[in-house]
Amino acid sequence: MDETTPELQEYYAKMDRPMPGESLTEDPEAPQPYTSTTEFSVPQEAIDYIFDEMTQEENYSSIIQSLLDGTTVMELTRLILFSGFNEGKFNPDLMVILIEPTAYLIMGLAERAGVEYTVMADDEEDMFGVTVDPLEMKEPSEEAQAALDMVEGADLPEAPTESLMARPPPPPPTEQPSLMQRI
């Protein structure tokens, strides 16, 4: 006896998701990174990896610029963790454990750079399939506190302060003389 409404059946028919068993038809010679053994299984090792990646100069500048552009902390957290999962760095269970420490890392980096940030927009109550209560984020967990301590003791690159409208630096001098100098 099927108790679903036609609207619900139509919704399920439109969902863009793999068919059950579709992963069994993939080429075993070219597995996806997230289907093999993950690189990290210990939360602190994964937090250290995420912190190292976030504090590389190009990544740090991008994170700070994203926060300046209005991206929320939770959007960046989702982006960082899903890309780590897709690269095979950690499994979904560890990814959920890393949500809080990663958010605190981003907030700590923003505070060190003097950037105001928004933790989550009003319409982001459902993050990663779990409803987040903003009151729960008052006291950081042990992992999150360790992440904040890493940020406080880190030697971070300069936050980008140059405007997009600023003049570009002059080109470096050319080693070959120009045609006018040859005469």
N, C-alpha and C. Protein backbone atom coordinates (compact mmCIF):
# COMPACT_ATOMS: atom_id res chain seq x y z
N MET A 1 0.84 -1.17 0.00
CA MET A 1 0.00 0.00 0.00
C MET A 1 0.89 1.24 0.00
N ASP A 2 0.79 2.03 -1.04
CA ASP A 2 1.61 3.23 -1.20
C ASP A 2 0.85 4.43 -0.64
N GLU A 3 1.43 5.06 0.40
CA GLU A 3 0.75 6.18 1.05
C GLU A 3 1.37 7.53 0.68
N THR A 4 2.17 7.58 -0.38
CA THR A 4 2.78 8.84 -0.77
C THR A 4 1.84 9.63 -1.66
N THR A 5 1.95 10.92 -1.57
CA THR A 5 1.12 11.80 -2.39
C THR A 5 1.76 11.94 -3.76
N PRO A 6 1.00 12.34 -4.75
CA PRO A 6 1.59 12.55 -6.08
C PRO A 6 2.69 13.62 -6.06
N GLU A 7 2.53 14.64 -5.22
CA GLU A 7 3.56 15.68 -5.13
C GLU A 7 4.87 15.11 -4.60
N LEU A 8 4.77 14.25 -3.59
CA LEU A 8 5.96 13.64 -3.02
C LEU A 8 6.62 12.70 -4.02
N GLN A 9 5.83 11.94 -4.77
CA GLN A 9 6.38 11.06 -5.80
C GLN A 9 7.09 11.87 -6.88
N GLU A 10 6.51 13.00 -7.26
CA GLU A 10 7.14 13.86 -8.26
C GLU A 10 8.45 14.43 -7.73
N TYR A 11 8.47 14.82 -6.45
CA TYR A 11 9.69 15.34 -5.84
C TYR A 11 10.80 14.29 -5.86
N TYR A 12 10.47 13.07 -5.46
CA TYR A 12 11.48 12.00 -5.46
C TYR A 12 11.96 11.67 -6.87
N ALA A 13 11.08 11.80 -7.85
CA ALA A 13 11.46 11.51 -9.23
C ALA A 13 12.43 12.55 -9.76
N LYS A 14 12.37 13.78 -9.27
CA LYS A 14 13.24 14.86 -9.74
C LYS A 14 14.58 14.92 -9.03
N MET A 15 14.73 14.19 -7.94
CA MET A 15 15.96 14.29 -7.15
C MET A 15 17.16 13.84 -7.98
N ASP A 16 18.19 14.66 -7.99
CA ASP A 16 19.40 14.35 -8.74
C ASP A 16 20.36 13.61 -7.81
N ARG A 17 20.28 12.30 -7.84
CA ARG A 17 21.13 11.49 -6.99
C ARG A 17 21.46 10.21 -7.73
N PRO A 18 22.52 9.54 -7.33
CA PRO A 18 22.86 8.30 -8.01
C PRO A 18 21.81 7.22 -7.74
N MET A 19 21.67 6.35 -8.71
CA MET A 19 20.75 5.24 -8.53
C MET A 19 21.36 4.23 -7.57
N PRO A 20 20.56 3.50 -6.83
CA PRO A 20 21.12 2.48 -5.95
C PRO A 20 21.94 1.47 -6.75
N GLY A 21 23.16 1.23 -6.30
CA GLY A 21 24.06 0.29 -6.97
C GLY A 21 24.89 0.91 -8.07
N GLU A 22 24.71 2.22 -8.32
CA GLU A 22 25.45 2.88 -9.40
C GLU A 22 26.96 2.84 -9.16
N SER A 23 27.36 2.89 -7.90
CA SER A 23 28.80 2.86 -7.61
C SER A 23 29.42 1.52 -7.99
N LEU A 24 28.61 0.48 -8.09
CA LEU A 24 29.12 -0.83 -8.46
C LEU A 24 29.43 -0.92 -9.95
N THR A 25 29.00 0.06 -10.73
CA THR A 25 29.26 0.05 -12.16
C THR A 25 30.46 0.90 -12.53
N GLU A 26 31.09 1.56 -11.56
CA GLU A 26 32.26 2.38 -11.85
C GLU A 26 33.47 1.50 -12.13
N ASP A 27 34.41 2.04 -12.85
CA ASP A 27 35.62 1.32 -13.21
C ASP A 27 36.47 1.08 -11.96
N PRO A 28 36.75 -0.17 -11.59
CA PRO A 28 37.55 -0.43 -10.40
C PRO A 28 39.02 -0.03 -10.56
N GLU A 29 39.46 0.16 -11.79
CA GLU A 29 40.84 0.59 -12.03
C GLU A 29 41.04 2.08 -11.76
N ALA A 30 39.95 2.83 -11.76
CA ALA A 30 40.02 4.28 -11.52
C ALA A 30 39.02 4.64 -10.41
N PRO A 31 39.31 4.25 -9.17
CA PRO A 31 38.35 4.54 -8.08
C PRO A 31 38.34 6.03 -7.73
N GLN A 32 37.22 6.47 -7.22
CA GLN A 32 37.10 7.84 -6.75
C GLN A 32 37.84 7.96 -5.41
N PRO A 33 38.41 9.13 -5.09
CA PRO A 33 39.16 9.27 -3.85
C PRO A 33 38.33 8.97 -2.60
N TYR A 34 37.06 9.31 -2.61
CA TYR A 34 36.23 9.12 -1.42
C TYR A 34 35.77 7.67 -1.24
N THR A 35 36.05 6.78 -2.20
CA THR A 35 35.66 5.38 -2.05
C THR A 35 36.77 4.52 -1.48
N SER A 36 37.97 5.07 -1.37
CA SER A 36 39.09 4.29 -0.83
C SER A 36 39.31 4.65 0.64
N THR A 37 40.34 4.10 1.23
CA THR A 37 40.67 4.38 2.61
C THR A 37 41.01 5.86 2.77
N THR A 38 40.50 6.46 3.83
CA THR A 38 40.73 7.89 4.03
C THR A 38 42.13 8.14 4.58
N GLU A 39 42.60 9.37 4.38
CA GLU A 39 43.93 9.74 4.86
C GLU A 39 43.95 9.95 6.37
N PHE A 40 42.86 10.49 6.92
CA PHE A 40 42.82 10.78 8.35
C PHE A 40 41.68 10.01 9.01
N SER A 41 41.97 9.49 10.19
CA SER A 41 40.92 8.84 10.98
C SER A 41 40.90 9.38 12.41
N VAL A 42 41.90 10.18 12.78
CA VAL A 42 42.00 10.77 14.11
C VAL A 42 41.62 12.25 13.98
N PRO A 43 40.65 12.73 14.77
CA PRO A 43 40.21 14.12 14.62
C PRO A 43 41.33 15.15 14.75
N GLN A 44 42.24 15.00 15.71
CA GLN A 44 43.28 16.02 15.89
C GLN A 44 44.22 16.08 14.68
N GLU A 45 44.52 14.94 14.07
CA GLU A 45 45.36 14.95 12.87
C GLU A 45 44.65 15.66 11.73
N ALA A 46 43.34 15.45 11.59
CA ALA A 46 42.57 16.13 10.55
C ALA A 46 42.50 17.64 10.82
N ILE A 47 42.34 18.02 12.08
CA ILE A 47 42.31 19.44 12.43
C ILE A 47 43.65 20.09 12.10
N ASP A 48 44.75 19.41 12.41
CA ASP A 48 46.07 19.94 12.09
C ASP A 48 46.22 20.12 10.59
N TYR A 49 45.75 19.15 9.81
CA TYR A 49 45.83 19.24 8.35
C TYR A 49 45.01 20.43 7.85
N ILE A 50 43.78 20.56 8.34
CA ILE A 50 42.92 21.67 7.91
C ILE A 50 43.56 23.01 8.27
N PHE A 51 44.12 23.10 9.48
CA PHE A 51 44.77 24.34 9.90
C PHE A 51 45.96 24.67 8.99
N ASP A 52 46.78 23.66 8.69
CA ASP A 52 47.92 23.89 7.80
C ASP A 52 47.47 24.36 6.42
N GLU A 53 46.42 23.75 5.90
CA GLU A 53 45.90 24.16 4.60
C GLU A 53 45.33 25.58 4.65
N MET A 54 44.61 25.91 5.72
CA MET A 54 43.98 27.22 5.82
C MET A 54 45.01 28.33 6.01
N THR A 55 46.16 28.04 6.60
CA THR A 55 47.14 29.09 6.86
C THR A 55 48.19 29.21 5.77
N GLN A 56 48.07 28.45 4.70
CA GLN A 56 48.93 28.71 3.55
C GLN A 56 48.50 30.05 2.96
N GLU A 57 49.48 30.82 2.51
CA GLU A 57 49.21 32.21 2.16
C GLU A 57 48.06 32.39 1.17
N GLU A 58 48.02 31.59 0.10
CA GLU A 58 46.96 31.78 -0.90
C GLU A 58 45.60 31.37 -0.33
N ASN A 59 45.54 30.32 0.47
CA ASN A 59 44.28 29.90 1.07
C ASN A 59 43.82 30.89 2.13
N TYR A 60 44.76 31.37 2.94
CA TYR A 60 44.44 32.33 3.99
C TYR A 60 43.84 33.59 3.38
N SER A 61 44.47 34.09 2.33
CA SER A 61 43.97 35.30 1.67
C SER A 61 42.58 35.07 1.12
N SER A 62 42.34 33.90 0.54
CA SER A 62 41.02 33.60 -0.01
C SER A 62 39.96 33.52 1.08
N ILE A 63 40.30 32.92 2.21
CA ILE A 63 39.35 32.81 3.31
C ILE A 63 38.99 34.19 3.85
N ILE A 64 40.00 35.01 4.09
CA ILE A 64 39.75 36.35 4.62
C ILE A 64 38.96 37.18 3.62
N GLN A 65 39.30 37.09 2.34
CA GLN A 65 38.58 37.85 1.32
C GLN A 65 37.13 37.37 1.22
N SER A 66 36.91 36.07 1.35
CA SER A 66 35.54 35.54 1.32
C SER A 66 34.73 36.09 2.48
N LEU A 67 35.33 36.14 3.66
CA LEU A 67 34.63 36.70 4.82
C LEU A 67 34.33 38.18 4.61
N LEU A 68 35.27 38.90 4.02
CA LEU A 68 35.05 40.32 3.73
C LEU A 68 33.92 40.50 2.71
N ASP A 69 33.78 39.54 1.80
CA ASP A 69 32.73 39.62 0.78
C ASP A 69 31.36 39.19 1.30
N GLY A 70 31.30 38.74 2.57
CA GLY A 70 30.01 38.39 3.16
C GLY A 70 29.72 36.91 3.26
N THR A 71 30.66 36.06 2.91
CA THR A 71 30.45 34.62 3.06
C THR A 71 30.41 34.29 4.54
N THR A 72 29.50 33.45 4.95
CA THR A 72 29.40 33.11 6.37
C THR A 72 30.42 32.05 6.74
N VAL A 73 30.70 31.96 8.03
CA VAL A 73 31.65 30.98 8.54
C VAL A 73 31.19 29.56 8.22
N MET A 74 29.90 29.31 8.37
CA MET A 74 29.39 27.96 8.12
C MET A 74 29.43 27.59 6.65
N GLU A 75 29.28 28.56 5.75
CA GLU A 75 29.43 28.27 4.32
C GLU A 75 30.86 27.87 4.01
N LEU A 76 31.82 28.58 4.58
CA LEU A 76 33.22 28.22 4.37
C LEU A 76 33.53 26.87 5.00
N THR A 77 32.97 26.61 6.17
CA THR A 77 33.17 25.32 6.83
C THR A 77 32.66 24.20 5.95
N ARG A 78 31.48 24.38 5.42
CA ARG A 78 30.90 23.36 4.53
C ARG A 78 31.79 23.15 3.31
N LEU A 79 32.26 24.21 2.71
CA LEU A 79 33.11 24.12 1.52
C LEU A 79 34.40 23.36 1.83
N ILE A 80 35.06 23.72 2.91
CA ILE A 80 36.33 23.09 3.28
C ILE A 80 36.14 21.61 3.58
N LEU A 81 35.11 21.28 4.35
CA LEU A 81 34.92 19.89 4.75
C LEU A 81 34.44 19.02 3.60
N PHE A 82 33.56 19.51 2.76
CA PHE A 82 33.12 18.70 1.63
C PHE A 82 34.25 18.49 0.63
N SER A 83 35.09 19.49 0.42
CA SER A 83 36.21 19.27 -0.49
C SER A 83 37.20 18.28 0.10
N GLY A 84 37.41 18.32 1.42
CA GLY A 84 38.28 17.32 2.05
C GLY A 84 37.71 15.92 1.93
N PHE A 85 36.40 15.79 2.07
CA PHE A 85 35.75 14.48 1.89
C PHE A 85 35.90 14.00 0.46
N ASN A 86 35.65 14.89 -0.52
CA ASN A 86 35.75 14.50 -1.92
C ASN A 86 37.18 14.13 -2.32
N GLU A 87 38.17 14.69 -1.63
CA GLU A 87 39.57 14.35 -1.91
C GLU A 87 40.00 13.09 -1.18
N GLY A 88 39.12 12.52 -0.36
CA GLY A 88 39.45 11.30 0.36
C GLY A 88 40.26 11.55 1.62
N LYS A 89 40.20 12.74 2.18
CA LYS A 89 40.95 13.05 3.39
C LYS A 89 40.29 12.45 4.63
N PHE A 90 38.95 12.46 4.70
CA PHE A 90 38.25 11.90 5.84
C PHE A 90 36.88 11.40 5.42
N ASN A 91 36.30 10.55 6.25
CA ASN A 91 35.00 9.96 5.95
C ASN A 91 33.88 10.87 6.47
N PRO A 92 32.63 10.58 6.14
CA PRO A 92 31.53 11.46 6.57
C PRO A 92 31.41 11.59 8.09
N ASP A 93 31.70 10.52 8.82
CA ASP A 93 31.60 10.59 10.28
C ASP A 93 32.61 11.58 10.85
N LEU A 94 33.85 11.51 10.38
CA LEU A 94 34.87 12.44 10.85
C LEU A 94 34.55 13.85 10.37
N MET A 95 33.95 13.96 9.20
CA MET A 95 33.59 15.28 8.68
C MET A 95 32.61 15.97 9.63
N VAL A 96 31.65 15.24 10.16
CA VAL A 96 30.69 15.82 11.09
C VAL A 96 31.39 16.23 12.38
N ILE A 97 32.34 15.44 12.84
CA ILE A 97 33.10 15.79 14.05
C ILE A 97 33.91 17.06 13.83
N LEU A 98 34.35 17.30 12.60
CA LEU A 98 35.22 18.44 12.30
C LEU A 98 34.46 19.75 12.06
N ILE A 99 33.14 19.73 12.06
CA ILE A 99 32.38 20.95 11.79
C ILE A 99 32.72 22.04 12.81
N GLU A 100 32.59 21.73 14.08
CA GLU A 100 32.82 22.75 15.11
C GLU A 100 34.26 23.25 15.12
N PRO A 101 35.28 22.37 15.15
CA PRO A 101 36.65 22.89 15.16
C PRO A 101 37.00 23.72 13.92
N THR A 102 36.49 23.31 12.76
CA THR A 102 36.77 24.07 11.54
C THR A 102 36.12 25.45 11.60
N ALA A 103 34.90 25.53 12.10
CA ALA A 103 34.23 26.83 12.23
C ALA A 103 35.01 27.72 13.20
N TYR A 104 35.48 27.15 14.30
CA TYR A 104 36.26 27.95 15.25
C TYR A 104 37.60 28.37 14.66
N LEU A 105 38.22 27.52 13.83
CA LEU A 105 39.46 27.92 13.16
C LEU A 105 39.21 29.14 12.27
N ILE A 106 38.14 29.10 11.50
CA ILE A 106 37.83 30.22 10.61
C ILE A 106 37.54 31.48 11.42
N MET A 107 36.77 31.34 12.51
CA MET A 107 36.47 32.51 13.34
C MET A 107 37.75 33.06 13.99
N GLY A 108 38.64 32.17 14.42
CA GLY A 108 39.89 32.62 15.02
C GLY A 108 40.77 33.35 14.02
N LEU A 109 40.84 32.82 12.79
CA LEU A 109 41.63 33.50 11.75
C LEU A 109 41.04 34.87 11.44
N ALA A 110 39.72 34.94 11.40
CA ALA A 110 39.07 36.23 11.11
C ALA A 110 39.34 37.24 12.22
N GLU A 111 39.27 36.79 13.46
CA GLU A 111 39.53 37.70 14.57
C GLU A 111 40.98 38.17 14.56
N ARG A 112 41.91 37.27 14.25
CA ARG A 112 43.32 37.67 14.19
C ARG A 112 43.56 38.69 13.08
N ALA A 113 42.78 38.59 12.00
CA ALA A 113 42.93 39.53 10.88
C ALA A 113 42.10 40.79 11.08
N GLY A 114 41.30 40.85 12.15
CA GLY A 114 40.47 42.02 12.40
C GLY A 114 39.28 42.12 11.47
N VAL A 115 38.78 40.98 11.01
CA VAL A 115 37.66 40.96 10.07
C VAL A 115 36.39 40.58 10.82
N GLU A 116 35.33 41.35 10.60
CA GLU A 116 34.04 40.99 11.18
C GLU A 116 33.44 39.88 10.34
N TYR A 117 32.77 38.94 10.98
CA TYR A 117 32.22 37.79 10.27
C TYR A 117 30.83 37.48 10.78
N THR A 118 30.11 36.71 9.99
CA THR A 118 28.80 36.21 10.35
C THR A 118 28.92 34.70 10.45
N VAL A 119 28.47 34.13 11.56
CA VAL A 119 28.59 32.68 11.74
C VAL A 119 27.68 31.97 10.75
N MET A 120 26.40 32.33 10.73
CA MET A 120 25.49 31.75 9.75
C MET A 120 24.35 32.71 9.51
N ALA A 121 23.85 32.66 8.30
CA ALA A 121 22.71 33.51 7.95
C ALA A 121 21.46 32.95 8.61
N ASP A 122 20.43 33.75 8.69
CA ASP A 122 19.20 33.32 9.34
C ASP A 122 18.58 32.10 8.66
N ASP A 123 18.78 31.97 7.35
CA ASP A 123 18.17 30.85 6.63
C ASP A 123 19.06 29.61 6.60
N GLU A 124 20.16 29.60 7.35
CA GLU A 124 21.07 28.46 7.37
C GLU A 124 20.90 27.61 8.61
N GLU A 125 19.68 27.46 9.08
CA GLU A 125 19.47 26.68 10.28
C GLU A 125 19.78 25.21 10.07
N ASP A 126 19.67 24.72 8.84
CA ASP A 126 19.90 23.32 8.55
C ASP A 126 21.25 23.17 7.87
N MET A 127 22.27 22.83 8.64
CA MET A 127 23.62 22.67 8.10
C MET A 127 24.00 21.20 8.10
N PHE A 128 24.47 20.69 7.00
CA PHE A 128 24.92 19.32 6.88
C PHE A 128 23.81 18.34 7.24
N GLY A 129 22.56 18.74 7.07
CA GLY A 129 21.45 17.86 7.39
C GLY A 129 21.09 17.85 8.86
N VAL A 130 21.71 18.70 9.67
CA VAL A 130 21.45 18.75 11.10
C VAL A 130 21.06 20.17 11.46
N THR A 131 20.03 20.32 12.25
CA THR A 131 19.64 21.65 12.70
C THR A 131 20.61 22.12 13.77
N VAL A 132 21.16 23.30 13.57
CA VAL A 132 22.16 23.85 14.49
C VAL A 132 21.49 24.90 15.37
N ASP A 133 21.64 24.75 16.66
CA ASP A 133 21.14 25.73 17.60
C ASP A 133 22.27 26.70 17.91
N PRO A 134 22.12 27.99 17.58
CA PRO A 134 23.20 28.94 17.83
C PRO A 134 23.65 28.99 19.29
N LEU A 135 22.78 28.64 20.22
CA LEU A 135 23.16 28.66 21.62
C LEU A 135 24.17 27.58 21.95
N GLU A 136 24.20 26.49 21.15
CA GLU A 136 25.15 25.42 21.39
C GLU A 136 26.58 25.85 21.11
N MET A 137 26.78 26.90 20.36
CA MET A 137 28.11 27.31 19.97
C MET A 137 28.73 28.28 20.98
N LYS A 138 28.16 28.42 22.15
CA LYS A 138 28.68 29.34 23.17
C LYS A 138 30.01 28.84 23.73
N GLU A 139 30.08 27.60 24.14
CA GLU A 139 31.27 27.03 24.77
C GLU A 139 31.91 26.02 23.82
N PRO A 140 33.14 26.26 23.35
CA PRO A 140 33.75 25.33 22.40
C PRO A 140 34.10 23.99 23.04
N SER A 141 34.06 22.94 22.22
CA SER A 141 34.45 21.61 22.69
C SER A 141 35.97 21.57 22.85
N GLU A 142 36.48 20.44 23.32
CA GLU A 142 37.93 20.30 23.51
C GLU A 142 38.67 20.45 22.18
N GLU A 143 38.13 19.81 21.12
CA GLU A 143 38.77 19.91 19.80
C GLU A 143 38.75 21.35 19.30
N ALA A 144 37.62 22.03 19.49
CA ALA A 144 37.51 23.41 19.04
C ALA A 144 38.43 24.33 19.84
N GLN A 145 38.55 24.08 21.14
CA GLN A 145 39.45 24.89 21.95
C GLN A 145 40.90 24.68 21.53
N ALA A 146 41.26 23.43 21.21
CA ALA A 146 42.62 23.16 20.71
C ALA A 146 42.86 23.88 19.39
N ALA A 147 41.81 23.93 18.54
CA ALA A 147 41.93 24.65 17.27
C ALA A 147 42.13 26.14 17.51
N LEU A 148 41.38 26.71 18.46
CA LEU A 148 41.56 28.13 18.77
C LEU A 148 42.96 28.41 19.31
N ASP A 149 43.48 27.50 20.13
CA ASP A 149 44.83 27.67 20.65
C ASP A 149 45.86 27.64 19.54
N MET A 150 45.64 26.79 18.52
CA MET A 150 46.56 26.74 17.38
C MET A 150 46.56 28.08 16.65
N VAL A 151 45.38 28.68 16.48
CA VAL A 151 45.28 29.96 15.78
C VAL A 151 46.01 31.05 16.56
N GLU A 152 45.84 31.05 17.88
CA GLU A 152 46.47 32.09 18.70
C GLU A 152 47.98 32.01 18.65
N GLY A 153 48.55 30.82 18.54
CA GLY A 153 49.99 30.66 18.53
C GLY A 153 50.61 30.63 17.15
N ALA A 154 49.82 30.81 16.11
CA ALA A 154 50.32 30.67 14.74
C ALA A 154 50.94 31.96 14.23
N ASP A 155 51.91 31.79 13.35
CA ASP A 155 52.51 32.90 12.63
C ASP A 155 51.81 32.97 11.29
N LEU A 156 50.84 33.88 11.16
CA LEU A 156 49.98 33.93 9.99
C LEU A 156 50.47 34.95 8.98
N PRO A 157 50.17 34.73 7.70
CA PRO A 157 50.52 35.74 6.70
C PRO A 157 49.66 36.98 6.87
N GLU A 158 50.07 38.05 6.24
CA GLU A 158 49.33 39.31 6.31
C GLU A 158 47.96 39.14 5.67
N ALA A 159 46.96 39.74 6.25
CA ALA A 159 45.62 39.74 5.67
C ALA A 159 45.63 40.67 4.46
N PRO A 160 44.92 40.31 3.41
CA PRO A 160 44.91 41.18 2.23
C PRO A 160 44.23 42.51 2.56
N THR A 161 44.93 43.60 2.29
CA THR A 161 44.37 44.91 2.58
C THR A 161 44.25 45.75 1.32
N GLU A 162 44.78 45.27 0.22
CA GLU A 162 44.77 46.04 -1.01
C GLU A 162 43.40 45.98 -1.66
N SER A 163 42.96 47.11 -2.13
CA SER A 163 41.67 47.21 -2.79
C SER A 163 41.76 46.62 -4.20
N LEU A 164 40.64 46.16 -4.70
CA LEU A 164 40.61 45.67 -6.07
C LEU A 164 40.80 46.81 -7.06
N MET A 165 40.54 48.03 -6.62
CA MET A 165 40.68 49.19 -7.49
C MET A 165 42.09 49.78 -7.45
N ALA A 166 42.97 49.21 -6.64
CA ALA A 166 44.33 49.73 -6.54
C ALA A 166 45.09 49.47 -7.83
N ARG A 167 46.06 50.33 -8.11
CA ARG A 167 46.88 50.14 -9.31
C ARG A 167 47.73 48.89 -9.17
N PRO A 168 47.88 48.15 -10.24
CA PRO A 168 48.74 46.97 -10.16
C PRO A 168 50.20 47.40 -10.04
N PRO A 169 51.05 46.55 -9.49
CA PRO A 169 52.46 46.92 -9.39
C PRO A 169 53.07 47.04 -10.78
N PRO A 170 54.11 47.85 -10.90
CA PRO A 170 54.73 48.02 -12.22
C PRO A 170 55.35 46.70 -12.67
N PRO A 171 55.39 46.47 -13.97
CA PRO A 171 55.97 45.21 -14.45
C PRO A 171 57.47 45.19 -14.15
N PRO A 172 58.01 43.99 -13.96
CA PRO A 172 59.45 43.91 -13.70
C PRO A 172 60.24 44.33 -14.93
N PRO A 173 61.44 44.86 -14.72
CA PRO A 173 62.23 45.30 -15.87
C PRO A 173 62.57 44.10 -16.76
N THR A 174 62.54 44.35 -18.06
CA THR A 174 62.84 43.28 -19.00
C THR A 174 64.35 43.12 -19.11
N GLU A 175 64.78 41.90 -19.33
CA GLU A 175 66.22 41.63 -19.44
C GLU A 175 66.74 41.97 -20.83
N GLN A 176 65.89 41.83 -21.85
CA GLN A 176 66.31 42.17 -23.20
C GLN A 176 66.09 43.64 -23.44
N PRO A 177 67.04 44.31 -24.04
CA PRO A 177 66.84 45.73 -24.31
C PRO A 177 65.75 45.92 -25.36
N SER A 178 65.08 47.05 -25.30
CA SER A 178 64.06 47.34 -26.29
C SER A 178 64.72 47.70 -27.61
N LEU A 179 63.91 47.81 -28.64
CA LEU A 179 64.43 48.14 -29.96
C LEU A 179 65.07 49.53 -29.94
N MET A 180 64.55 50.44 -29.14
CA MET A 180 65.10 51.79 -29.08
C MET A 180 66.46 51.78 -28.40
N GLN A 181 66.73 50.87 -27.53
CA GLN A 181 68.02 50.82 -26.84
C GLN A 181 69.10 50.18 -27.70
N ARG A 182 68.73 49.44 -28.70
CA ARG A 182 69.71 48.78 -29.55
C ARG A 182 70.42 49.75 -30.48
N ILE A 183 69.83 50.88 -30.76
CA ILE A 183 70.42 51.83 -31.71
C ILE A 183 71.54 52.60 -31.07
